[in-house]
C-alpha atoms as a PDB file:
ATOM      1  CA  MET A   1     -32.230  14.991 -32.621  1.00  0.00           C
ATOM      2  CA  THR A   2     -29.179  15.155 -34.882  1.00  0.00           C
ATOM      3  CA  GLU A   3     -28.639  12.077 -37.059  1.00  0.00           C
ATOM      4  CA  PRO A   4     -25.248  10.360 -36.740  1.00  0.00           C
ATOM      5  CA  PRO A   5     -22.886  10.996 -39.656  1.00  0.00           C
ATOM      6  CA  ARG A   6     -23.168   8.472 -42.465  1.00  0.00           C
ATOM      7  CA  LYS A   7     -20.288   6.194 -43.221  1.00  0.00           C
ATOM      8  CA  LYS A   8     -18.045   6.994 -46.149  1.00  0.00           C
ATOM      9  CA  VAL A   9     -19.027   5.223 -49.352  1.00  0.00           C
ATOM     10  CA  ALA A  10     -16.432   3.969 -51.812  1.00  0.00           C
ATOM     11  CA  VAL A  11     -16.955   2.415 -55.225  1.00  0.00           C
ATOM     12  CA  ILE A  12     -14.349  -0.173 -56.227  1.00  0.00           C
ATOM     13  CA  THR A  13     -14.465  -1.715 -59.684  1.00  0.00           C
ATOM     14  CA  GLY A  14     -13.086  -5.186 -60.319  1.00  0.00           C
ATOM     15  CA  ALA A  15     -13.915  -6.207 -56.740  1.00  0.00           C
ATOM     16  CA  SER A  16     -14.469  -9.899 -57.493  1.00  0.00           C
ATOM     17  CA  GLU A  17     -10.882 -11.091 -57.014  1.00  0.00           C
ATOM     18  CA  GLY A  18      -7.238 -10.145 -56.616  1.00  0.00           C
ATOM     19  CA  LEU A  19      -6.433  -6.554 -55.766  1.00  0.00           C
ATOM     20  CA  GLY A  20     -10.056  -5.375 -55.986  1.00  0.00           C
ATOM     21  CA  ARG A  21     -11.167  -7.963 -53.428  1.00  0.00           C
ATOM     22  CA  ALA A  22      -8.240  -7.074 -51.174  1.00  0.00           C
ATOM     23  CA  LEU A  23      -9.052  -3.357 -51.434  1.00  0.00           C
ATOM     24  CA  ALA A  24     -12.644  -4.086 -50.439  1.00  0.00           C
ATOM     25  CA  ARG A  25     -11.416  -5.973 -47.360  1.00  0.00           C
ATOM     26  CA  GLN A  26      -9.059  -3.162 -46.401  1.00  0.00           C
ATOM     27  CA  MET A  27     -11.607  -0.399 -46.897  1.00  0.00           C
ATOM     28  CA  THR A  28     -14.433  -2.117 -45.001  1.00  0.00           C
ATOM     29  CA  ALA A  29     -11.987  -2.904 -42.180  1.00  0.00           C
ATOM     30  CA  ARG A  30     -11.551   0.872 -41.912  1.00  0.00           C
ATOM     31  CA  GLY A  31     -15.309   1.411 -41.600  1.00  0.00           C
ATOM     32  CA  VAL A  32     -15.956   2.422 -45.229  1.00  0.00           C
ATOM     33  CA  HIS A  33     -19.030   1.060 -47.005  1.00  0.00           C
ATOM     34  CA  VAL A  34     -17.795  -0.423 -50.283  1.00  0.00           C
ATOM     35  CA  VAL A  35     -19.850  -0.868 -53.412  1.00  0.00           C
ATOM     36  CA  GLY A  36     -18.054  -3.560 -55.375  1.00  0.00           C
ATOM     37  CA  ILE A  37     -18.592  -3.835 -59.115  1.00  0.00           C
ATOM     38  CA  ALA A  38     -17.620  -6.821 -61.264  1.00  0.00           C
ATOM     39  CA  ARG A  39     -19.143  -9.054 -63.894  1.00  0.00           C
ATOM     40  CA  ARG A  40     -19.401 -12.255 -61.797  1.00  0.00           C
ATOM     41  CA  ALA A  41     -22.079 -12.159 -59.103  1.00  0.00           C
ATOM     42  CA  GLU A  42     -20.864 -15.338 -57.403  1.00  0.00           C
ATOM     43  CA  ALA A  43     -17.326 -13.959 -57.079  1.00  0.00           C
ATOM     44  CA  LEU A  44     -18.662 -10.712 -55.604  1.00  0.00           C
ATOM     45  CA  ALA A  45     -20.584 -12.796 -53.056  1.00  0.00           C
ATOM     46  CA  ALA A  46     -17.296 -14.443 -52.081  1.00  0.00           C
ATOM     47  CA  THR A  47     -15.751 -10.993 -51.617  1.00  0.00           C
ATOM     48  CA  ALA A  48     -18.645  -9.984 -49.367  1.00  0.00           C
ATOM     49  CA  GLU A  49     -17.901 -12.963 -47.097  1.00  0.00           C
ATOM     50  CA  LEU A  50     -14.375 -11.619 -46.526  1.00  0.00           C
ATOM     51  CA  CYS A  51     -15.411  -8.053 -45.767  1.00  0.00           C
ATOM     52  CA  ALA A  52     -16.571  -6.437 -42.536  1.00  0.00           C
ATOM     53  CA  PRO A  53     -20.218  -7.418 -41.965  1.00  0.00           C
ATOM     54  CA  GLY A  54     -22.772  -5.073 -43.492  1.00  0.00           C
ATOM     55  CA  LEU A  55     -20.213  -2.894 -45.249  1.00  0.00           C
ATOM     56  CA  PHE A  56     -20.082  -4.457 -48.714  1.00  0.00           C
ATOM     57  CA  THR A  57     -22.716  -4.081 -51.411  1.00  0.00           C
ATOM     58  CA  ALA A  58     -22.303  -6.133 -54.578  1.00  0.00           C
ATOM     59  CA  TRP A  59     -23.294  -4.684 -57.951  1.00  0.00           C
ATOM     60  CA  PRO A  60     -22.813  -7.191 -60.783  1.00  0.00           C
ATOM     61  CA  GLY A  61     -22.090  -5.351 -64.015  1.00  0.00           C
ATOM     62  CA  ASP A  62     -19.636  -4.655 -66.793  1.00  0.00           C
ATOM     63  CA  VAL A  63     -17.696  -1.393 -66.547  1.00  0.00           C
ATOM     64  CA  ALA A  64     -17.699  -1.296 -70.359  1.00  0.00           C
ATOM     65  CA  ASP A  65     -21.426  -0.414 -70.153  1.00  0.00           C
ATOM     66  CA  PRO A  66     -21.648   3.360 -69.500  1.00  0.00           C
ATOM     67  CA  ALA A  67     -25.424   3.397 -68.997  1.00  0.00           C
ATOM     68  CA  LEU A  68     -25.208   0.707 -66.325  1.00  0.00           C
ATOM     69  CA  MET A  69     -22.403   2.561 -64.535  1.00  0.00           C
ATOM     70  CA  ARG A  70     -24.591   5.686 -64.438  1.00  0.00           C
ATOM     71  CA  GLU A  71     -27.433   3.626 -62.998  1.00  0.00           C
ATOM     72  CA  ILE A  72     -25.187   2.095 -60.322  1.00  0.00           C
ATOM     73  CA  ALA A  73     -23.826   5.508 -59.338  1.00  0.00           C
ATOM     74  CA  ALA A  74     -27.313   7.004 -59.053  1.00  0.00           C
ATOM     75  CA  ARG A  75     -28.679   4.052 -57.062  1.00  0.00           C
ATOM     76  CA  THR A  76     -25.680   4.122 -54.740  1.00  0.00           C
ATOM     77  CA  GLU A  77     -26.164   7.821 -54.035  1.00  0.00           C
ATOM     78  CA  GLU A  78     -29.865   7.237 -53.348  1.00  0.00           C
ATOM     79  CA  ASP A  79     -29.596   4.063 -51.267  1.00  0.00           C
ATOM     80  CA  LEU A  80     -26.277   4.395 -49.419  1.00  0.00           C
ATOM     81  CA  GLY A  81     -25.321   8.054 -49.538  1.00  0.00           C
ATOM     82  CA  PRO A  82     -22.706  10.223 -51.235  1.00  0.00           C
ATOM     83  CA  VAL A  83     -19.883   8.436 -53.036  1.00  0.00           C
ATOM     84  CA  SER A  84     -16.764   9.882 -51.445  1.00  0.00           C
ATOM     85  CA  ILE A  85     -14.203   7.610 -53.086  1.00  0.00           C
ATOM     86  CA  LEU A  86     -13.817   5.917 -56.458  1.00  0.00           C
ATOM     87  CA  VAL A  87     -11.097   3.342 -57.064  1.00  0.00           C
ATOM     88  CA  ASN A  88     -10.880   2.387 -60.732  1.00  0.00           C
ATOM     89  CA  ASN A  89      -9.372  -1.089 -60.572  1.00  0.00           C
ATOM     90  CA  ALA A  90     -11.248  -3.302 -63.072  1.00  0.00           C
ATOM     91  CA  VAL A  91      -8.860  -4.943 -65.535  1.00  0.00           C
ATOM     92  CA  ILE A  92      -8.463  -7.912 -67.835  1.00  0.00           C
ATOM     93  CA  TYR A  93      -5.198  -9.372 -69.079  1.00  0.00           C
ATOM     94  CA  GLU A  94      -5.497 -12.065 -71.727  1.00  0.00           C
ATOM     95  CA  ARG A  95      -2.404 -12.876 -73.720  1.00  0.00           C
ATOM     96  CA  ALA A  96      -2.712 -13.418 -77.474  1.00  0.00           C
ATOM     97  CA  ASP A  97      -0.533 -13.236 -80.562  1.00  0.00           C
ATOM     98  CA  PHE A  98      -1.731 -10.080 -82.312  1.00  0.00           C
ATOM     99  CA  LEU A  99      -0.691 -11.473 -85.703  1.00  0.00           C
ATOM    100  CA  ASN A 100      -3.019 -14.432 -85.246  1.00  0.00           C
ATOM    101  CA  SER A 101      -5.964 -12.967 -83.336  1.00  0.00           C
ATOM    102  CA  LEU A 102      -8.959 -10.778 -84.078  1.00  0.00           C
ATOM    103  CA  ALA A 103      -8.894  -7.045 -83.465  1.00  0.00           C
ATOM    104  CA  GLU A 104     -11.792  -7.530 -81.050  1.00  0.00           C
ATOM    105  CA  HIS A 105      -9.431  -9.249 -78.598  1.00  0.00           C
ATOM    106  CA  ALA A 106      -7.233  -6.180 -78.268  1.00  0.00           C
ATOM    107  CA  CYS A 107     -10.192  -3.785 -78.280  1.00  0.00           C
ATOM    108  CA  ALA A 108     -11.838  -5.678 -75.406  1.00  0.00           C
ATOM    109  CA  HIS A 109      -8.885  -4.682 -73.223  1.00  0.00           C
ATOM    110  CA  LEU A 110      -9.423  -1.037 -74.117  1.00  0.00           C
ATOM    111  CA  GLN A 111     -13.159  -1.272 -73.408  1.00  0.00           C
ATOM    112  CA  ILE A 112     -12.668  -2.649 -69.890  1.00  0.00           C
ATOM    113  CA  ASN A 113      -9.263  -1.414 -68.780  1.00  0.00           C
ATOM    114  CA  CYS A 114      -9.483   2.151 -70.082  1.00  0.00           C
ATOM    115  CA  CYS A 115     -13.072   2.901 -71.111  1.00  0.00           C
ATOM    116  CA  GLY A 116     -14.201   1.238 -67.887  1.00  0.00           C
ATOM    117  CA  GLN A 117     -12.301   3.878 -65.919  1.00  0.00           C
ATOM    118  CA  ILE A 118     -13.788   6.625 -68.072  1.00  0.00           C
ATOM    119  CA  ASN A 119     -17.321   5.224 -67.734  1.00  0.00           C
ATOM    120  CA  MET A 120     -17.217   4.873 -63.951  1.00  0.00           C
ATOM    121  CA  THR A 121     -15.538   8.244 -63.439  1.00  0.00           C
ATOM    122  CA  ALA A 122     -18.089   9.983 -65.656  1.00  0.00           C
ATOM    123  CA  ALA A 123     -20.862   8.293 -63.659  1.00  0.00           C
ATOM    124  CA  VAL A 124     -19.763   9.471 -60.192  1.00  0.00           C
ATOM    125  CA  LEU A 125     -18.124  12.786 -61.098  1.00  0.00           C
ATOM    126  CA  PRO A 126     -21.356  14.823 -61.454  1.00  0.00           C
ATOM    127  CA  PHE A 127     -22.283  13.926 -57.870  1.00  0.00           C
ATOM    128  CA  MET A 128     -18.812  14.865 -56.631  1.00  0.00           C
ATOM    129  CA  VAL A 129     -18.960  18.144 -58.557  1.00  0.00           C
ATOM    130  CA  ALA A 130     -22.338  18.974 -57.027  1.00  0.00           C
ATOM    131  CA  ARG A 131     -20.831  18.516 -53.537  1.00  0.00           C
ATOM    132  CA  GLY A 132     -17.534  20.158 -54.467  1.00  0.00           C
ATOM    133  CA  ARG A 133     -15.332  17.310 -53.244  1.00  0.00           C
ATOM    134  CA  GLY A 134     -14.360  13.702 -53.916  1.00  0.00           C
ATOM    135  CA  ARG A 135     -11.473  11.255 -54.179  1.00  0.00           C
ATOM    136  CA  ILE A 136     -10.526   9.284 -57.304  1.00  0.00           C
ATOM    137  CA  VAL A 137      -7.687   6.763 -57.548  1.00  0.00           C
ATOM    138  CA  ASN A 138      -6.918   5.250 -60.942  1.00  0.00           C
ATOM    139  CA  ILE A 139      -4.886   2.062 -60.884  1.00  0.00           C
ATOM    140  CA  THR A 140      -2.415   1.918 -63.752  1.00  0.00           C
ATOM    141  CA  SER A 141       0.893   0.281 -64.658  1.00  0.00           C
ATOM    142  CA  PHE A 142       4.062   0.723 -66.699  1.00  0.00           C
ATOM    143  CA  ALA A 143       2.948  -2.003 -69.131  1.00  0.00           C
ATOM    144  CA  GLY A 144       2.364   0.548 -71.889  1.00  0.00           C
ATOM    145  CA  GLU A 145       5.943   1.800 -71.653  1.00  0.00           C
ATOM    146  CA  THR A 146       7.583  -1.631 -71.933  1.00  0.00           C
ATOM    147  CA  PRO A 147       5.157  -3.839 -73.916  1.00  0.00           C
ATOM    148  CA  LEU A 148       5.729  -7.580 -73.962  1.00  0.00           C
ATOM    149  CA  PRO A 149       4.969  -9.841 -76.944  1.00  0.00           C
ATOM    150  CA  GLY A 150       1.474 -11.264 -76.718  1.00  0.00           C
ATOM    151  CA  SER A 151       0.223  -8.380 -74.593  1.00  0.00           C
ATOM    152  CA  LEU A 152      -0.657  -5.725 -77.161  1.00  0.00           C
ATOM    153  CA  GLY A 153      -4.218  -5.140 -75.986  1.00  0.00           C
ATOM    154  CA  TYR A 154      -3.247  -4.944 -72.334  1.00  0.00           C
ATOM    155  CA  SER A 155      -0.211  -2.728 -72.965  1.00  0.00           C
ATOM    156  CA  VAL A 156      -2.142  -0.232 -75.092  1.00  0.00           C
ATOM    157  CA  SER A 157      -5.001  -0.110 -72.589  1.00  0.00           C
ATOM    158  CA  LYS A 158      -2.712   0.531 -69.624  1.00  0.00           C
ATOM    159  CA  ALA A 159      -0.890   3.311 -71.490  1.00  0.00           C
ATOM    160  CA  ALA A 160      -4.324   4.805 -72.135  1.00  0.00           C
ATOM    161  CA  THR A 161      -5.242   4.707 -68.429  1.00  0.00           C
ATOM    162  CA  ARG A 162      -2.166   6.775 -67.620  1.00  0.00           C
ATOM    163  CA  ALA A 163      -3.112   9.316 -70.291  1.00  0.00           C
ATOM    164  CA  PHE A 164      -6.712   9.386 -69.048  1.00  0.00           C
ATOM    165  CA  THR A 165      -5.552  10.072 -65.496  1.00  0.00           C
ATOM    166  CA  ARG A 166      -3.363  12.990 -66.570  1.00  0.00           C
ATOM    167  CA  ALA A 167      -6.210  14.407 -68.641  1.00  0.00           C
ATOM    168  CA  LEU A 168      -8.659  14.038 -65.750  1.00  0.00           C
ATOM    169  CA  VAL A 169      -6.222  15.834 -63.436  1.00  0.00           C
ATOM    170  CA  ALA A 170      -6.103  18.722 -65.905  1.00  0.00           C
ATOM    171  CA  GLU A 171      -9.899  18.823 -66.260  1.00  0.00           C
ATOM    172  CA  VAL A 172     -10.678  19.250 -62.559  1.00  0.00           C
ATOM    173  CA  ALA A 173      -7.512  20.960 -61.264  1.00  0.00           C
ATOM    174  CA  LEU A 174      -8.640  24.584 -61.524  1.00  0.00           C
ATOM    175  CA  ARG A 175     -12.405  24.284 -61.319  1.00  0.00           C
ATOM    176  CA  MET A 176     -12.707  21.655 -58.567  1.00  0.00           C
ATOM    177  CA  PRO A 177      -9.580  21.731 -56.366  1.00  0.00           C
ATOM    178  CA  ASP A 178     -11.228  19.526 -53.722  1.00  0.00           C
ATOM    179  CA  ILE A 179     -11.824  16.668 -56.142  1.00  0.00           C
ATOM    180  CA  VAL A 180      -8.497  14.905 -55.709  1.00  0.00           C
ATOM    181  CA  VAL A 181      -7.240  12.569 -58.434  1.00  0.00           C
ATOM    182  CA  SER A 182      -4.200  10.313 -58.045  1.00  0.00           C
ATOM    183  CA  GLU A 183      -2.584   7.528 -60.007  1.00  0.00           C
ATOM    184  CA  TRP A 184      -1.464   4.373 -58.220  1.00  0.00           C
ATOM    185  CA  ILE A 185       0.864   1.763 -59.712  1.00  0.00           C
ATOM    186  CA  PRO A 186       0.757  -1.144 -57.243  1.00  0.00           C
ATOM    187  CA  GLY A 187       3.454  -3.184 -58.979  1.00  0.00           C
ATOM    188  CA  ILE A 188       3.424  -6.842 -59.968  1.00  0.00           C
ATOM    189  CA  MET A 189       1.292  -8.861 -57.583  1.00  0.00           C
ATOM    190  CA  HIS A 190       0.604 -12.445 -56.639  1.00  0.00           C
ATOM    191  CA  THR A 191      -2.756 -12.611 -58.420  1.00  0.00           C
ATOM    192  CA  ARG A 192      -4.337 -14.602 -61.243  1.00  0.00           C
ATOM    193  CA  SER A 193      -2.975 -12.181 -63.840  1.00  0.00           C
ATOM    194  CA  GLY A 194       0.254 -11.469 -61.946  1.00  0.00           C
ATOM    195  CA  TYR A 195       3.226 -13.576 -60.884  1.00  0.00           C
ATOM    196  CA  ARG A 196       3.832 -16.141 -58.149  1.00  0.00           C
ATOM    197  CA  ASP A 197       6.682 -14.067 -56.719  1.00  0.00           C
ATOM    198  CA  GLY A 198       4.701 -10.818 -56.797  1.00  0.00           C
ATOM    199  CA  ILE A 199       3.445  -8.755 -53.865  1.00  0.00           C
ATOM    200  CA  CYS A 200       0.582 -10.215 -51.861  1.00  0.00           C
ATOM    201  CA  ALA A 201      -2.576  -8.368 -52.898  1.00  0.00           C
ATOM    202  CA  ASP A 202      -3.545  -7.801 -49.259  1.00  0.00           C
ATOM    203  CA  HIS A 203      -0.240  -6.060 -48.578  1.00  0.00           C
ATOM    204  CA  ALA A 204      -0.558  -3.859 -51.674  1.00  0.00           C
ATOM    205  CA  ALA A 205      -4.186  -3.068 -50.848  1.00  0.00           C
ATOM    206  CA  ALA A 206      -3.162  -1.647 -47.472  1.00  0.00           C
ATOM    207  CA  TRP A 207      -1.201   1.034 -49.352  1.00  0.00           C
ATOM    208  CA  GLY A 208      -4.054   1.596 -51.803  1.00  0.00           C
ATOM    209  CA  ALA A 209      -6.586   2.045 -49.021  1.00  0.00           C
ATOM    210  CA  GLU A 210      -4.385   4.613 -47.284  1.00  0.00           C
ATOM    211  CA  LEU A 211      -4.049   6.547 -50.537  1.00  0.00           C
ATOM    212  CA  ALA A 212      -7.769   6.426 -51.309  1.00  0.00           C
ATOM    213  CA  LEU A 213      -8.699   7.679 -47.835  1.00  0.00           C
ATOM    214  CA  ASP A 214      -6.290  10.619 -48.010  1.00  0.00           C
ATOM    215  CA  ASP A 215      -8.151  13.419 -49.789  1.00  0.00           C
ATOM    216  CA  ARG A 216      -5.770  16.310 -49.160  1.00  0.00           C
ATOM    217  CA  PRO A 217      -5.760  18.658 -52.189  1.00  0.00           C
ATOM    218  CA  GLU A 218      -1.957  18.525 -52.413  1.00  0.00           C
ATOM    219  CA  LEU A 219      -2.257  14.915 -53.547  1.00  0.00           C
ATOM    220  CA  HIS A 220      -4.055  15.981 -56.723  1.00  0.00           C
ATOM    221  CA  GLY A 221      -2.055  14.864 -59.744  1.00  0.00           C
ATOM    222  CA  THR A 222       0.338  12.678 -57.748  1.00  0.00           C
ATOM    223  CA  THR A 223       1.552   9.261 -58.843  1.00  0.00           C
ATOM    224  CA  PHE A 224       2.457   6.546 -56.360  1.00  0.00           C
ATOM    225  CA  LEU A 225       4.462   3.403 -57.102  1.00  0.00           C
ATOM    226  CA  ARG A 226       3.657   0.798 -54.452  1.00  0.00           C
ATOM    227  CA  ASP A 227       3.997   2.859 -51.255  1.00  0.00           C
ATOM    228  CA  ARG A 228       6.144   5.740 -52.545  1.00  0.00           C
ATOM    229  CA  GLU A 229       5.309   8.902 -54.467  1.00  0.00           C
ATOM    230  CA  LEU A 230       6.995   9.244 -57.853  1.00  0.00           C
ATOM    231  CA  LEU A 231       8.256  12.789 -58.060  1.00  0.00           C
ATOM    232  CA  PRO A 232       8.116  14.572 -61.434  1.00  0.00           C
ATOM    233  CA  HIS A 233      11.351  14.888 -63.354  1.00  0.00           C
ATOM    234  CA  ARG A 234      13.247  18.078 -62.555  1.00  0.00           C
ATOM    235  CA  SER A 235      15.684  19.642 -64.988  1.00  0.00           C
ATOM    236  CA  LEU A 236      19.380  20.002 -64.199  1.00  0.00           C
ATOM    237  CA  ARG A 237      18.863  23.773 -64.164  1.00  0.00           C
ATOM    238  CA  ASP A 238      16.210  23.543 -61.463  1.00  0.00           C
ATOM    239  CA  ARG A 239      18.327  21.178 -59.383  1.00  0.00           C
ATOM    240  CA  LEU A 240      21.361  23.473 -59.611  1.00  0.00           C
ATOM    241  CA  LYS A 241      19.225  26.469 -58.711  1.00  0.00           C
ATOM    242  CA  ASP A 242      17.935  24.706 -55.596  1.00  0.00           C
ATOM    243  CA  ALA A 243      21.466  23.712 -54.640  1.00  0.00           C
ATOM    244  CA  LEU A 244      22.677  27.305 -54.925  1.00  0.00           C
ATOM    245  CA  LEU A 245      19.773  28.487 -52.790  1.00  0.00           C
ATOM    246  CA  LEU A 246      20.425  25.662 -50.293  1.00  0.00           C
ATOM    247  CA  LYS A 247      16.917  24.371 -50.780  1.00  0.00           C
ATOM    248  CA  PRO A 248      16.463  20.756 -49.680  1.00  0.00           C
ATOM    249  CA  ALA A 249      15.683  18.221 -52.364  1.00  0.00           C
ATOM    250  CA  PRO A 250      11.998  17.274 -52.583  1.00  0.00           C
ATOM    251  CA  ARG A 251      11.168  14.170 -50.585  1.00  0.00           C
ATOM    252  CA  PRO A 252       8.570  11.703 -51.854  1.00  0.00           C
ATOM    253  CA  ARG A 253       5.549  11.028 -49.705  1.00  0.00           C
ATOM    254  CA  MET A 254       5.276   7.532 -48.252  1.00  0.00           C
ATOM    255  CA  LEU A 255       2.059   5.625 -47.627  1.00  0.00           C
ATOM    256  CA  ALA A 256       1.512   4.352 -44.096  1.00  0.00           C
ATOM    257  CA  GLN A 257       1.816   0.657 -43.296  1.00  0.00           C
ATOM    258  CA  ASN A 258      -1.550   0.489 -41.510  1.00  0.00           C
ATOM    259  CA  ASN A 259      -3.018  -2.954 -42.256  1.00  0.00           C
ATOM    260  CA  PRO A 260      -6.141  -3.785 -40.213  1.00  0.00           C
ATOM    261  CA  VAL A 261      -6.551  -7.211 -41.865  1.00  0.00           C
ATOM    262  CA  LEU A 262      -2.939  -8.308 -41.288  1.00  0.00           C
ATOM    263  CA  GLY A 263      -2.909 -11.935 -40.208  1.00  0.00           C
ATOM    264  CA  GLN A 264      -5.835 -12.759 -42.502  1.00  0.00           C
ATOM    265  CA  ASP A 265      -3.908 -12.576 -45.776  1.00  0.00           C
ATOM    266  CA  THR A 266      -5.186 -14.739 -48.599  1.00  0.00           C
ATOM    267  CA  CYS A 267      -1.727 -15.309 -50.074  1.00  0.00           C
ATOM    268  CA  SER A 268       1.351 -16.581 -48.317  1.00  0.00           C
END
């Protein structure tokens, strides 16, 4: 007798609150088994209570620990099945005056915000390579391009995540075309590290879930801002050439508004 197909498995880092928690809710509502990673076990337990029953597995741990991330990836593959999706979301944002703080404060942001993405990606990528397919979404921001005073560590770390994503795209583009890597910039949200007037995390997570579940190869190397693809800059020469050839201007892809947990939002 043929066994029924196993559910998709997604790993989401920083799943203990904010956007990570909302992404876990959205993904489990779509039938995906989510492995949520964060440092606080009690907060992960609270996330589990909000997710579809039986579809959330909590793994307390620090993404700055590469050996632990390798262990979590291996155990997930063994216990739950192939990791189809990785969403690198874990982040800290602690303001401090760089002139009056220790270097360790800034470096901690790099260890979690950027090295955490590298550690988790390096942990799951060998399994994806062995199967020849996978989906990776790195969550980044424009903070590195317009740094604010008191945010040096965060700004540098977020600039590094954008560079890491571009480098990862280049690494797998030719050898593994079915491992699809995208960058997602969700915008300023109504979370603990965001702003009161920001986007509700549940609304943003609906876009993120749609992006993570779309593994078409043509999405490799794409960047999305909120629900819209950011098209690469095109030179004036290329635009004039297209106009002369009557070629239509490229249109950005839009993420669907599917939101299976609408009406249960945690922010209002």
